[in-house]
Amino acid sequence: MASPQLAKLLQGSYGNYVIQSALNVSTGKLHQSVVDSIRPHLPSLRGTPHGRRIIQKIGGGGSPGPRAMQ
């Protein structure tokens, strides 16, 4: 999941939608991998409307959210 393009995906509206969709449908280790890849980018996402949705989905930086436990 490590990609130099992830930051661009997170900032763009379409790419952000794709990442949100990945968070919605992934479970277990894959979901945790997506969350772990996003976490370093959280500070830059806090000021954007799309970024706030991702932060909500992953639990704001503290917990990975309920899907990771499945």
Protein backbone atom coordinates (compact mmCIF):
# COMPACT_ATOMS: atom_id res chain seq x y z
CA MET A 1 0.00 0.00 0.00
CA ALA A 2 3.02 2.29 0.27
CA SER A 3 2.97 4.60 -2.71
CA PRO A 4 4.44 8.01 -3.35
CA GLN A 5 1.14 8.85 -5.10
CA LEU A 6 -0.98 8.23 -1.99
CA ALA A 7 -0.67 11.84 -0.82
CA LYS A 8 -1.98 13.04 -4.20
CA LEU A 9 -4.86 10.56 -4.08
CA LEU A 10 -5.83 11.74 -0.62
CA GLN A 11 -5.84 15.40 -1.65
CA GLY A 12 -7.83 15.04 -4.88
CA SER A 13 -11.61 14.66 -4.73
CA TYR A 14 -11.78 11.55 -6.94
CA GLY A 15 -8.77 9.85 -5.37
CA ASN A 16 -10.11 10.65 -1.93
CA TYR A 17 -13.39 8.99 -2.89
CA VAL A 18 -11.48 5.89 -3.98
CA ILE A 19 -9.64 5.75 -0.64
CA GLN A 20 -12.91 6.23 1.27
CA SER A 21 -14.44 3.39 -0.72
CA ALA A 22 -11.44 1.18 0.06
CA LEU A 23 -11.94 1.94 3.75
CA ASN A 24 -15.63 1.02 3.45
CA VAL A 25 -15.14 -2.34 1.80
CA SER A 26 -11.86 -3.59 3.26
CA THR A 27 -11.68 -5.71 6.39
CA GLY A 28 -9.08 -7.26 8.64
CA LYS A 29 -5.42 -6.96 7.72
CA LEU A 30 -6.12 -5.21 4.42
CA HIS A 31 -8.19 -2.54 6.17
CA GLN A 32 -5.45 -2.07 8.76
CA SER A 33 -2.87 -1.73 5.99
CA VAL A 34 -4.93 1.01 4.33
CA VAL A 35 -5.35 2.82 7.65
CA ASP A 36 -1.63 2.51 8.46
CA SER A 37 -0.74 3.94 5.06
CA ILE A 38 -3.05 6.92 5.55
CA ARG A 39 -2.00 7.75 9.13
CA PRO A 40 1.22 9.65 8.21
CA HIS A 41 -0.89 11.94 5.99
CA LEU A 42 -3.48 12.85 8.64
CA PRO A 43 -2.03 16.29 9.48
CA SER A 44 -2.38 17.44 5.86
CA LEU A 45 -5.92 16.02 5.64
CA ARG A 46 -7.31 17.82 8.68
CA GLY A 47 -7.86 21.07 6.78
CA THR A 48 -9.73 19.63 3.81
CA PRO A 49 -13.41 18.60 3.57
CA HIS A 50 -12.58 15.26 1.94
CA GLY A 51 -9.77 14.66 4.38
CA ARG A 52 -12.08 15.12 7.35
CA ARG A 53 -14.28 12.31 6.02
CA ILE A 54 -11.31 9.96 5.92
CA ILE A 55 -10.28 10.98 9.42
CA GLN A 56 -13.83 10.21 10.58
CA LYS A 57 -13.73 6.80 8.91
CA ILE A 58 -10.47 5.75 10.53
CA GLY A 59 -11.31 7.09 13.96
CA GLY A 60 -9.46 10.39 14.00
CA GLY A 61 -5.99 9.07 14.61
CA GLY A 62 -6.49 7.13 17.83
CA SER A 63 -8.14 3.88 16.87
CA PRO A 64 -8.32 2.15 13.50
CA GLY A 65 -12.11 1.87 13.61
CA PRO A 66 -14.46 -1.10 13.89
CA ARG A 67 -13.74 -2.71 10.51
CA ALA A 68 -10.13 -3.44 11.42
CA MET A 69 -11.29 -5.81 14.11
CA GLN A 70 -13.30 -8.02 11.76
